[in-house]
C-alpha cells in the first residue's frame, strides 16, 4: 500500500509538472507571437525578428524556472523551438518560390526529430522536484550567482546554439530556389539516420535504466558498445543534415554552417567532457571502457589485452 501510494504521488507530481511546463511554453509562444506581430511592420529582417522573438520566449521560460526554482523547466526548449520556427519560416510570403517537396522533407524531418526528442524528455522527467544533475552541481558551485549564471549559461546559450543551428532553414525553406539534387538525398539520409541513431540510443538507455542495473554498471550493448555517446552523435549529425539542406537549396551559401560547427563544439568541448568526468568518478570500469569504445562516432570496440 505504501509503495502504491508513493507511486501515485510521483505520478501526480509528474502530471502536475507537465501541466506547468505546458502552460509555461504556451506563454512563451504567445510572447514570441506578440513580438513578431510588433516587429514585422518595422521592416526588420525576418531572421532578426525570429531571433528577438526567440529571446523573448526564452526569458518567459526563464521566468517560470526562477519562480519554480528549477532550471529544468528549460530542458525541452532545445527541441521545441525549431518546431515553431520551421513552420513559421515555411509559411512566410518570401517562401513562395522555394521547392515545395524540399519544404515538406525538411519540415517532416525537423518535426520528427523535435517531437521524438521532446517525448523522450517528457518520458524521463520526474516532475518539478527533479532538476538535472548538472544544474544541481552548478547551483552548488555558483552560490548566490546561480540564477544569473542560469540565465546566461543554461537558458540563453542553448537558445543561441539552436537558433544558429536553424539558420540553414532560411535557405532550405524560404529563399533557396535551386531544384532538388543529389545533395538533398544526402541531407535526407543524414537527418533520418541521425533521428534513428538518437531514437535507438535513447531507447537502449531507457531500457538499461529500467532494468535496475547494479551500482557502477556501464551500458555496453547496442549502440553504446560502439560509442560512449551515440545520442550526442545523432544530435550533431541532425544539425549537419539541416545545413546540407540549406546548401542544396542555395548552393555556395556557406555562412549557415556556423550553426552545425557551434553545436558540434558545444557537445565535444563542453557536454561530453562534463559527463565523462562524472562517469569517471562514479564508474570504476570507466577508464577501461574509454580505452575500448569510441567517444562519439560509432565504431567497433577496440580489443584490449589482459
C-alpha atoms as a PDB file:
ATOM      1  CA  UNK A   1       0.000   0.000   0.000  1.00  0.00           C
ATOM      2  CA  UNK A   2       2.789   2.417   0.902  1.00  0.00           C
ATOM      3  CA  UNK A   3       4.588   1.748  -2.396  1.00  0.00           C
ATOM      4  CA  UNK A   4       1.405   2.276  -4.400  1.00  0.00           C
ATOM      5  CA  UNK A   5       0.748   5.499  -2.518  1.00  0.00           C
ATOM      6  CA  UNK A   6       4.273   6.739  -3.245  1.00  0.00           C
ATOM      7  CA  UNK A   7       3.915   5.783  -6.928  1.00  0.00           C
ATOM      8  CA  UNK A   8       0.578   7.590  -7.081  1.00  0.00           C
ATOM      9  CA  UNK A   9       2.147  10.701  -5.545  1.00  0.00           C
ATOM     10  CA  UNK A  10       5.039  10.543  -8.027  1.00  0.00           C
ATOM     11  CA  UNK A  11       2.615  10.208 -10.951  1.00  0.00           C
ATOM     12  CA  UNK A  12       0.563  13.143  -9.675  1.00  0.00           C
ATOM     13  CA  UNK A  13       3.705  15.257  -9.269  1.00  0.00           C
ATOM     14  CA  UNK A  14       4.762  14.366 -12.793  1.00  0.00           C
ATOM     15  CA  UNK A  15       1.381  15.235 -14.313  1.00  0.00           C
ATOM     16  CA  UNK A  16       1.277  18.481 -12.364  1.00  0.00           C
ATOM     17  CA  UNK A  17       4.781  19.322 -13.509  1.00  0.00           C
ATOM     18  CA  UNK A  18       3.979  18.604 -17.157  1.00  0.00           C
ATOM     19  CA  UNK A  19       0.936  20.861 -16.851  1.00  0.00           C
ATOM     20  CA  UNK A  20       3.158  23.669 -15.549  1.00  0.00           C
ATOM     21  CA  UNK A  21       5.608  23.083 -18.397  1.00  0.00           C
ATOM     22  CA  UNK A  22       2.817  23.148 -20.995  1.00  0.00           C
ATOM     23  CA  UNK A  23       1.497  26.421 -19.558  1.00  0.00           C
ATOM     24  CA  UNK A  24       4.995  27.923 -19.476  1.00  0.00           C
ATOM     25  CA  UNK A  25       5.656  27.044 -23.103  1.00  0.00           C
ATOM     26  CA  UNK A  26       2.238  28.238 -24.245  1.00  0.00           C
ATOM     27  CA  UNK A  27       3.056  31.543 -22.541  1.00  0.00           C
ATOM     28  CA  UNK A  28       6.436  31.608 -24.304  1.00  0.00           C
ATOM     29  CA  UNK A  29       4.823  31.019 -27.710  1.00  0.00           C
ATOM     30  CA  UNK A  30       2.306  33.788 -27.002  1.00  0.00           C
ATOM     31  CA  UNK A  31       5.124  36.185 -26.076  1.00  0.00           C
ATOM     32  CA  UNK A  32       7.017  35.276 -29.252  1.00  0.00           C
ATOM     33  CA  UNK A  33       3.884  35.821 -31.363  1.00  0.00           C
ATOM     34  CA  UNK A  34       3.323  39.272 -29.813  1.00  0.00           C
ATOM     35  CA  UNK A  35       6.929  40.240 -30.539  1.00  0.00           C
ATOM     36  CA  UNK A  36       6.655  39.018 -34.137  1.00  0.00           C
ATOM     37  CA  UNK A  37       3.458  40.996 -34.721  1.00  0.00           C
ATOM     38  CA  UNK A  38       5.102  44.082 -33.219  1.00  0.00           C
ATOM     39  CA  UNK A  39       8.379  43.792 -35.121  1.00  0.00           C
ATOM     40  CA  UNK A  40       7.267  42.716 -38.589  1.00  0.00           C
ATOM     41  CA  UNK A  41       5.878  46.123 -39.632  1.00  0.00           C
ATOM     42  CA  UNK A  42       9.256  47.728 -38.843  1.00  0.00           C
ATOM     43  CA  UNK A  43      10.860  46.101 -41.898  1.00  0.00           C
ATOM     44  CA  UNK A  44      13.415  44.254 -39.786  1.00  0.00           C
ATOM     45  CA  UNK A  45      14.879  41.182 -41.479  1.00  0.00           C
ATOM     46  CA  UNK A  46      12.787  38.083 -40.652  1.00  0.00           C
ATOM     47  CA  UNK A  47      15.768  36.322 -39.082  1.00  0.00           C
ATOM     48  CA  UNK A  48      16.242  39.215 -36.674  1.00  0.00           C
ATOM     49  CA  UNK A  49      12.526  39.149 -35.925  1.00  0.00           C
ATOM     50  CA  UNK A  50      12.793  35.429 -35.202  1.00  0.00           C
ATOM     51  CA  UNK A  51      15.896  35.915 -33.048  1.00  0.00           C
ATOM     52  CA  UNK A  52      14.229  38.601 -30.897  1.00  0.00           C
ATOM     53  CA  UNK A  53      11.067  36.520 -30.540  1.00  0.00           C
ATOM     54  CA  UNK A  54      13.199  33.524 -29.606  1.00  0.00           C
ATOM     55  CA  UNK A  55      14.961  35.575 -26.939  1.00  0.00           C
ATOM     56  CA  UNK A  56      11.622  36.798 -25.595  1.00  0.00           C
ATOM     57  CA  UNK A  57      10.293  33.252 -25.359  1.00  0.00           C
ATOM     58  CA  UNK A  58      13.471  32.194 -23.556  1.00  0.00           C
ATOM     59  CA  UNK A  59      13.015  34.962 -20.985  1.00  0.00           C
ATOM     60  CA  UNK A  60       9.451  33.806 -20.345  1.00  0.00           C
ATOM     61  CA  UNK A  61      10.626  30.242 -19.720  1.00  0.00           C
ATOM     62  CA  UNK A  62      13.406  31.597 -17.504  1.00  0.00           C
ATOM     63  CA  UNK A  63      10.777  33.451 -15.501  1.00  0.00           C
ATOM     64  CA  UNK A  64       8.999  30.162 -14.842  1.00  0.00           C
ATOM     65  CA  UNK A  65      12.316  28.499 -13.966  1.00  0.00           C
ATOM     66  CA  UNK A  66      13.025  31.247 -11.463  1.00  0.00           C
ATOM     67  CA  UNK A  67       9.513  31.198  -9.985  1.00  0.00           C
ATOM     68  CA  UNK A  68       9.581  27.418  -9.561  1.00  0.00           C
ATOM     69  CA  UNK A  69      13.269  27.337  -8.546  1.00  0.00           C
ATOM     70  CA  UNK A  70      14.019  24.714 -11.205  1.00  0.00           C
ATOM     71  CA  UNK A  71      16.138  25.360 -14.308  1.00  0.00           C
ATOM     72  CA  UNK A  72      14.983  22.062 -15.830  1.00  0.00           C
ATOM     73  CA  UNK A  73      11.874  23.957 -16.946  1.00  0.00           C
ATOM     74  CA  UNK A  74      14.055  24.982 -19.874  1.00  0.00           C
ATOM     75  CA  UNK A  75      15.132  21.467 -20.884  1.00  0.00           C
ATOM     76  CA  UNK A  76      12.541  20.839 -23.652  1.00  0.00           C
ATOM     77  CA  UNK A  77      13.225  24.233 -25.261  1.00  0.00           C
ATOM     78  CA  UNK A  78      16.071  22.770 -27.342  1.00  0.00           C
ATOM     79  CA  UNK A  79      13.708  20.519 -29.279  1.00  0.00           C
ATOM     80  CA  UNK A  80      10.546  22.642 -29.015  1.00  0.00           C
ATOM     81  CA  UNK A  81      11.829  25.893 -30.520  1.00  0.00           C
ATOM     82  CA  UNK A  82      12.520  24.500 -34.036  1.00  0.00           C
ATOM     83  CA  UNK A  83       9.002  23.009 -34.076  1.00  0.00           C
ATOM     84  CA  UNK A  84       7.693  26.580 -34.032  1.00  0.00           C
ATOM     85  CA  UNK A  85      10.411  28.321 -36.035  1.00  0.00           C
ATOM     86  CA  UNK A  86      10.494  25.971 -39.042  1.00  0.00           C
ATOM     87  CA  UNK A  87       6.754  26.183 -39.916  1.00  0.00           C
ATOM     88  CA  UNK A  88       6.813  29.951 -39.376  1.00  0.00           C
ATOM     89  CA  UNK A  89       9.603  30.297 -41.913  1.00  0.00           C
ATOM     90  CA  UNK A  90       7.941  27.957 -44.415  1.00  0.00           C
ATOM     91  CA  UNK A  91       4.699  29.965 -44.281  1.00  0.00           C
ATOM     92  CA  UNK A  92       6.314  33.329 -44.949  1.00  0.00           C
ATOM     93  CA  UNK A  93       5.476  35.154 -48.221  1.00  0.00           C
ATOM     94  CA  UNK A  94       9.156  35.068 -49.224  1.00  0.00           C
ATOM     95  CA  UNK A  95       8.968  31.255 -49.290  1.00  0.00           C
ATOM     96  CA  UNK A  96       6.630  31.145 -52.285  1.00  0.00           C
ATOM     97  CA  UNK A  97       9.490  30.342 -54.684  1.00  0.00           C
ATOM     98  CA  UNK A  98      11.035  27.517 -52.625  1.00  0.00           C
ATOM     99  CA  UNK A  99      10.508  23.983 -53.993  1.00  0.00           C
ATOM    100  CA  UNK A 100       7.540  22.508 -52.136  1.00  0.00           C
ATOM    101  CA  UNK A 101       8.995  18.994 -51.942  1.00  0.00           C
ATOM    102  CA  UNK A 102      12.125  20.245 -50.178  1.00  0.00           C
ATOM    103  CA  UNK A 103       9.956  22.184 -47.731  1.00  0.00           C
ATOM    104  CA  UNK A 104       7.915  19.053 -46.993  1.00  0.00           C
ATOM    105  CA  UNK A 105      11.044  16.951 -46.452  1.00  0.00           C
ATOM    106  CA  UNK A 106      12.675  19.497 -44.159  1.00  0.00           C
ATOM    107  CA  UNK A 107       9.517  20.109 -42.127  1.00  0.00           C
ATOM    108  CA  UNK A 108       8.853  16.378 -41.788  1.00  0.00           C
ATOM    109  CA  UNK A 109      12.371  15.575 -40.613  1.00  0.00           C
ATOM    110  CA  UNK A 110      12.665  18.545 -38.239  1.00  0.00           C
ATOM    111  CA  UNK A 111       9.202  17.705 -36.914  1.00  0.00           C
ATOM    112  CA  UNK A 112      10.054  14.029 -36.390  1.00  0.00           C
ATOM    113  CA  UNK A 113      13.282  14.960 -34.610  1.00  0.00           C
ATOM    114  CA  UNK A 114      11.674  17.610 -32.391  1.00  0.00           C
ATOM    115  CA  UNK A 115       8.622  15.586 -31.407  1.00  0.00           C
ATOM    116  CA  UNK A 116      10.650  12.456 -30.642  1.00  0.00           C
ATOM    117  CA  UNK A 117      13.241  14.333 -28.579  1.00  0.00           C
ATOM    118  CA  UNK A 118      10.553  16.219 -26.668  1.00  0.00           C
ATOM    119  CA  UNK A 119       8.753  12.941 -25.962  1.00  0.00           C
ATOM    120  CA  UNK A 120      11.997  11.398 -24.755  1.00  0.00           C
ATOM    121  CA  UNK A 121      12.461  14.310 -22.358  1.00  0.00           C
ATOM    122  CA  UNK A 122       8.880  14.005 -21.057  1.00  0.00           C
ATOM    123  CA  UNK A 123       9.240  10.248 -20.585  1.00  0.00           C
ATOM    124  CA  UNK A 124      12.288  10.678 -18.386  1.00  0.00           C
ATOM    125  CA  UNK A 125      11.171  13.754 -16.441  1.00  0.00           C
ATOM    126  CA  UNK A 126      10.020  13.115 -12.871  1.00  0.00           C
ATOM    127  CA  UNK A 127       8.296  16.407 -12.121  1.00  0.00           C
ATOM    128  CA  UNK A 128       9.046  19.788 -10.636  1.00  0.00           C
ATOM    129  CA  UNK A 129      11.066  18.271  -7.821  1.00  0.00           C
ATOM    130  CA  UNK A 130      13.549  16.908 -10.366  1.00  0.00           C
ATOM    131  CA  UNK A 131      16.412  19.061 -11.629  1.00  0.00           C
ATOM    132  CA  UNK A 132      19.195  17.958 -13.954  1.00  0.00           C
ATOM    133  CA  UNK A 133      22.312  16.897 -12.024  1.00  0.00           C
ATOM    134  CA  UNK A 134      24.414  19.380 -13.977  1.00  0.00           C
ATOM    135  CA  UNK A 135      22.220  22.222 -12.737  1.00  0.00           C
ATOM    136  CA  UNK A 136      22.411  20.912  -9.190  1.00  0.00           C
ATOM    137  CA  UNK A 137      26.218  20.902  -9.382  1.00  0.00           C
ATOM    138  CA  UNK A 138      26.220  24.404 -10.875  1.00  0.00           C
ATOM    139  CA  UNK A 139      23.871  25.643  -8.158  1.00  0.00           C
ATOM    140  CA  UNK A 140      26.243  24.287  -5.533  1.00  0.00           C
ATOM    141  CA  UNK A 141      29.359  25.818  -7.095  1.00  0.00           C
ATOM    142  CA  UNK A 142      27.950  29.229  -8.068  1.00  0.00           C
ATOM    143  CA  UNK A 143      26.067  30.001  -4.856  1.00  0.00           C
ATOM    144  CA  UNK A 144      24.226  33.324  -4.945  1.00  0.00           C
ATOM    145  CA  UNK A 145      25.198  33.849  -8.585  1.00  0.00           C
ATOM    146  CA  UNK A 146      23.311  30.746  -9.665  1.00  0.00           C
ATOM    147  CA  UNK A 147      20.351  32.461 -11.294  1.00  0.00           C
ATOM    148  CA  UNK A 148      22.372  34.989 -13.350  1.00  0.00           C
ATOM    149  CA  UNK A 149      24.582  32.063 -14.400  1.00  0.00           C
ATOM    150  CA  UNK A 150      21.496  30.001 -15.195  1.00  0.00           C
ATOM    151  CA  UNK A 151      20.069  32.793 -17.352  1.00  0.00           C
ATOM    152  CA  UNK A 152      23.258  33.124 -19.358  1.00  0.00           C
ATOM    153  CA  UNK A 153      24.576  29.555 -19.439  1.00  0.00           C
ATOM    154  CA  UNK A 154      21.553  27.277 -19.052  1.00  0.00           C
ATOM    155  CA  UNK A 155      18.895  29.320 -20.854  1.00  0.00           C
ATOM    156  CA  UNK A 156      20.388  31.905 -23.215  1.00  0.00           C
ATOM    157  CA  UNK A 157      23.394  29.975 -24.523  1.00  0.00           C
ATOM    158  CA  UNK A 158      21.405  26.896 -25.678  1.00  0.00           C
ATOM    159  CA  UNK A 159      18.826  29.204 -27.276  1.00  0.00           C
ATOM    160  CA  UNK A 160      21.595  30.880 -29.269  1.00  0.00           C
ATOM    161  CA  UNK A 161      23.041  27.492 -30.266  1.00  0.00           C
ATOM    162  CA  UNK A 162      19.722  26.136 -31.513  1.00  0.00           C
ATOM    163  CA  UNK A 163      18.967  29.357 -33.384  1.00  0.00           C
ATOM    164  CA  UNK A 164      22.348  29.161 -35.102  1.00  0.00           C
ATOM    165  CA  UNK A 165      21.620  25.531 -35.967  1.00  0.00           C
ATOM    166  CA  UNK A 166      18.335  26.629 -37.538  1.00  0.00           C
ATOM    167  CA  UNK A 167      19.922  29.287 -39.784  1.00  0.00           C
ATOM    168  CA  UNK A 168      20.110  26.916 -42.790  1.00  0.00           C
ATOM    169  CA  UNK A 169      16.311  26.700 -42.640  1.00  0.00           C
ATOM    170  CA  UNK A 170      16.236  30.219 -44.088  1.00  0.00           C
ATOM    171  CA  UNK A 171      17.809  28.862 -47.264  1.00  0.00           C
ATOM    172  CA  UNK A 172      16.069  25.481 -47.206  1.00  0.00           C
ATOM    173  CA  UNK A 173      12.540  26.760 -46.560  1.00  0.00           C
ATOM    174  CA  UNK A 174      12.463  30.376 -47.714  1.00  0.00           C
ATOM    175  CA  UNK A 175      14.958  31.834 -50.181  1.00  0.00           C
ATOM    176  CA  UNK A 176      16.630  28.759 -51.674  1.00  0.00           C
ATOM    177  CA  UNK A 177      15.199  28.094 -55.125  1.00  0.00           C
ATOM    178  CA  UNK A 178      17.616  25.509 -56.551  1.00  0.00           C
ATOM    179  CA  UNK A 179      15.850  22.374 -57.779  1.00  0.00           C
ATOM    180  CA  UNK A 180      16.198  19.200 -55.747  1.00  0.00           C
ATOM    181  CA  UNK A 181      19.508  17.422 -56.298  1.00  0.00           C
ATOM    182  CA  UNK A 182      21.603  14.556 -55.030  1.00  0.00           C
ATOM    183  CA  UNK A 183      22.633  16.749 -52.075  1.00  0.00           C
ATOM    184  CA  UNK A 184      19.032  16.794 -50.865  1.00  0.00           C
ATOM    185  CA  UNK A 185      19.171  12.995 -50.933  1.00  0.00           C
ATOM    186  CA  UNK A 186      22.304  13.055 -48.792  1.00  0.00           C
ATOM    187  CA  UNK A 187      20.625  15.502 -46.400  1.00  0.00           C
ATOM    188  CA  UNK A 188      17.611  13.207 -46.063  1.00  0.00           C
ATOM    189  CA  UNK A 189      19.849  10.230 -45.300  1.00  0.00           C
ATOM    190  CA  UNK A 190      21.911  12.173 -42.767  1.00  0.00           C
ATOM    191  CA  UNK A 191      18.862  13.583 -40.955  1.00  0.00           C
ATOM    192  CA  UNK A 192      16.907  10.327 -40.998  1.00  0.00           C
ATOM    193  CA  UNK A 193      19.973   8.392 -39.860  1.00  0.00           C
ATOM    194  CA  UNK A 194      20.581  10.909 -37.082  1.00  0.00           C
ATOM    195  CA  UNK A 195      16.988  10.630 -35.839  1.00  0.00           C
ATOM    196  CA  UNK A 196      17.189   6.829 -35.911  1.00  0.00           C
ATOM    197  CA  UNK A 197      20.537   6.839 -34.095  1.00  0.00           C
ATOM    198  CA  UNK A 198      19.208   9.092 -31.334  1.00  0.00           C
ATOM    199  CA  UNK A 199      15.979   7.107 -31.030  1.00  0.00           C
ATOM    200  CA  UNK A 200      17.755   3.750 -30.751  1.00  0.00           C
ATOM    201  CA  UNK A 201      20.340   5.094 -28.295  1.00  0.00           C
ATOM    202  CA  UNK A 202      17.672   6.713 -26.106  1.00  0.00           C
ATOM    203  CA  UNK A 203      15.555   3.541 -26.118  1.00  0.00           C
ATOM    204  CA  UNK A 204      18.545   1.381 -25.166  1.00  0.00           C
ATOM    205  CA  UNK A 205      19.488   3.781 -22.361  1.00  0.00           C
ATOM    206  CA  UNK A 206      15.896   3.885 -21.104  1.00  0.00           C
ATOM    207  CA  UNK A 207      15.673   0.077 -21.039  1.00  0.00           C
ATOM    208  CA  UNK A 208      19.045  -0.174 -19.287  1.00  0.00           C
ATOM    209  CA  UNK A 209      17.908   2.176 -16.542  1.00  0.00           C
ATOM    210  CA  UNK A 210      14.576   0.396 -16.157  1.00  0.00           C
ATOM    211  CA  UNK A 211      16.363  -2.949 -15.751  1.00  0.00           C
ATOM    212  CA  UNK A 212      17.751  -1.790 -12.399  1.00  0.00           C
ATOM    213  CA  UNK A 213      21.481  -2.293 -13.100  1.00  0.00           C
ATOM    214  CA  UNK A 214      23.831  -2.654 -10.129  1.00  0.00           C
ATOM    215  CA  UNK A 215      25.680   0.475  -8.934  1.00  0.00           C
ATOM    216  CA  UNK A 216      28.616   1.289 -11.179  1.00  0.00           C
ATOM    217  CA  UNK A 217      27.289  -0.716 -14.145  1.00  0.00           C
ATOM    218  CA  UNK A 218      28.104   0.613 -17.622  1.00  0.00           C
ATOM    219  CA  UNK A 219      25.831   0.280 -20.642  1.00  0.00           C
ATOM    220  CA  UNK A 220      27.945  -1.626 -23.163  1.00  0.00           C
ATOM    221  CA  UNK A 221      25.493  -3.222 -25.559  1.00  0.00           C
ATOM    222  CA  UNK A 222      23.853  -1.956 -28.734  1.00  0.00           C
ATOM    223  CA  UNK A 223      24.994   1.421 -29.998  1.00  0.00           C
ATOM    224  CA  UNK A 224      26.507   2.094 -26.571  1.00  0.00           C
ATOM    225  CA  UNK A 225      29.019  -0.677 -27.189  1.00  0.00           C
ATOM    226  CA  UNK A 226      30.282   1.202 -30.252  1.00  0.00           C
ATOM    227  CA  UNK A 227      30.109   4.781 -28.962  1.00  0.00           C
ATOM    228  CA  UNK A 228      30.202   6.251 -25.466  1.00  0.00           C
ATOM    229  CA  UNK A 229      27.761   8.973 -26.567  1.00  0.00           C
ATOM    230  CA  UNK A 230      25.703   7.718 -29.552  1.00  0.00           C
ATOM    231  CA  UNK A 231      22.792  10.007 -28.666  1.00  0.00           C
ATOM    232  CA  UNK A 232      25.071  13.028 -28.982  1.00  0.00           C
ATOM    233  CA  UNK A 233      26.445  11.707 -32.263  1.00  0.00           C
ATOM    234  CA  UNK A 234      22.900  11.550 -33.622  1.00  0.00           C
ATOM    235  CA  UNK A 235      22.162  15.066 -32.383  1.00  0.00           C
ATOM    236  CA  UNK A 236      25.261  16.513 -34.022  1.00  0.00           C
ATOM    237  CA  UNK A 237      24.541  14.772 -37.320  1.00  0.00           C
ATOM    238  CA  UNK A 238      20.975  16.132 -37.370  1.00  0.00           C
ATOM    239  CA  UNK A 239      22.269  19.695 -37.494  1.00  0.00           C
ATOM    240  CA  UNK A 240      24.781  18.846 -40.213  1.00  0.00           C
ATOM    241  CA  UNK A 241      21.899  17.354 -42.189  1.00  0.00           C
ATOM    242  CA  UNK A 242      19.924  20.592 -41.794  1.00  0.00           C
ATOM    243  CA  UNK A 243      22.936  22.503 -43.084  1.00  0.00           C
ATOM    244  CA  UNK A 244      23.132  20.195 -46.121  1.00  0.00           C
ATOM    245  CA  UNK A 245      19.502  21.013 -46.931  1.00  0.00           C
ATOM    246  CA  UNK A 246      20.329  24.714 -46.821  1.00  0.00           C
ATOM    247  CA  UNK A 247      23.370  24.188 -49.035  1.00  0.00           C
ATOM    248  CA  UNK A 248      21.330  22.191 -51.531  1.00  0.00           C
ATOM    249  CA  UNK A 249      18.711  24.940 -51.667  1.00  0.00           C
ATOM    250  CA  UNK A 250      21.233  27.774 -52.072  1.00  0.00           C
ATOM    251  CA  UNK A 251      24.497  26.322 -53.446  1.00  0.00           C
ATOM    252  CA  UNK A 252      27.565  28.250 -52.349  1.00  0.00           C
ATOM    253  CA  UNK A 253      25.855  29.751 -49.297  1.00  0.00           C
ATOM    254  CA  UNK A 254      28.215  28.591 -46.563  1.00  0.00           C
ATOM    255  CA  UNK A 255      27.650  31.062 -43.720  1.00  0.00           C
ATOM    256  CA  UNK A 256      24.866  28.987 -42.073  1.00  0.00           C
ATOM    257  CA  UNK A 257      27.445  26.269 -41.344  1.00  0.00           C
ATOM    258  CA  UNK A 258      28.293  28.230 -38.189  1.00  0.00           C
ATOM    259  CA  UNK A 259      25.330  26.556 -36.500  1.00  0.00           C
ATOM    260  CA  UNK A 260      26.429  22.981 -37.092  1.00  0.00           C
ATOM    261  CA  UNK A 261      30.008  23.895 -36.152  1.00  0.00           C
ATOM    262  CA  UNK A 262      28.918  25.638 -32.933  1.00  0.00           C
ATOM    263  CA  UNK A 263      26.711  22.732 -31.846  1.00  0.00           C
ATOM    264  CA  UNK A 264      29.463  20.217 -32.611  1.00  0.00           C
ATOM    265  CA  UNK A 265      31.914  22.199 -30.478  1.00  0.00           C
ATOM    266  CA  UNK A 266      29.342  22.517 -27.691  1.00  0.00           C
ATOM    267  CA  UNK A 267      28.984  18.752 -27.405  1.00  0.00           C
ATOM    268  CA  UNK A 268      32.640  17.847 -27.975  1.00  0.00           C
ATOM    269  CA  UNK A 269      34.163  20.531 -25.735  1.00  0.00           C
ATOM    270  CA  UNK A 270      31.503  21.024 -23.043  1.00  0.00           C
ATOM    271  CA  UNK A 271      28.762  18.403 -22.763  1.00  0.00           C
ATOM    272  CA  UNK A 272      30.819  15.257 -23.342  1.00  0.00           C
ATOM    273  CA  UNK A 273      33.767  16.203 -21.063  1.00  0.00           C
ATOM    274  CA  UNK A 274      31.286  17.079 -18.292  1.00  0.00           C
ATOM    275  CA  UNK A 275      29.618  13.671 -18.484  1.00  0.00           C
ATOM    276  CA  UNK A 276      32.937  11.880 -18.889  1.00  0.00           C
ATOM    277  CA  UNK A 277      34.221  13.388 -15.635  1.00  0.00           C
ATOM    278  CA  UNK A 278      31.074  12.306 -13.829  1.00  0.00           C
ATOM    279  CA  UNK A 279      31.279   8.783 -15.219  1.00  0.00           C
ATOM    280  CA  UNK A 280      34.970   8.540 -14.315  1.00  0.00           C
ATOM    281  CA  UNK A 281      34.123   9.438 -10.724  1.00  0.00           C
ATOM    282  CA  UNK A 282      31.124   7.109 -10.458  1.00  0.00           C
ATOM    283  CA  UNK A 283      32.057   4.083 -12.587  1.00  0.00           C
ATOM    284  CA  UNK A 284      35.117   2.047 -11.597  1.00  0.00           C
ATOM    285  CA  UNK A 285      35.364   0.451 -15.048  1.00  0.00           C
ATOM    286  CA  UNK A 286      35.090   3.685 -16.998  1.00  0.00           C
ATOM    287  CA  UNK A 287      38.805   4.005 -17.766  1.00  0.00           C
ATOM    288  CA  UNK A 288      38.809   0.593 -19.425  1.00  0.00           C
ATOM    289  CA  UNK A 289      35.561   1.415 -21.207  1.00  0.00           C
ATOM    290  CA  UNK A 290      37.124   4.604 -22.576  1.00  0.00           C
ATOM    291  CA  UNK A 291      40.082   2.663 -23.971  1.00  0.00           C
ATOM    292  CA  UNK A 292      37.824   0.238 -25.819  1.00  0.00           C
ATOM    293  CA  UNK A 293      34.884   2.328 -27.010  1.00  0.00           C
ATOM    294  CA  UNK A 294      34.890   5.313 -29.370  1.00  0.00           C
ATOM    295  CA  UNK A 295      33.990   8.617 -27.747  1.00  0.00           C
ATOM    296  CA  UNK A 296      31.482   9.815 -30.349  1.00  0.00           C
ATOM    297  CA  UNK A 297      31.430   8.211 -33.801  1.00  0.00           C
ATOM    298  CA  UNK A 298      30.046   4.642 -33.583  1.00  0.00           C
ATOM    299  CA  UNK A 299      32.881   2.241 -34.324  1.00  0.00           C
ATOM    300  CA  UNK A 300      33.620  -1.411 -33.480  1.00  0.00           C
ATOM    301  CA  UNK A 301      35.176  -1.549 -29.999  1.00  0.00           C
ATOM    302  CA  UNK A 302      38.919  -1.993 -29.728  1.00  0.00           C
ATOM    303  CA  UNK A 303      40.337  -5.147 -28.259  1.00  0.00           C
ATOM    304  CA  UNK A 304      42.482  -4.670 -25.206  1.00  0.00           C
ATOM    305  CA  UNK A 305      44.994  -7.080 -23.762  1.00  0.00           C
ATOM    306  CA  UNK A 306      44.562  -8.574 -20.335  1.00  0.00           C
END
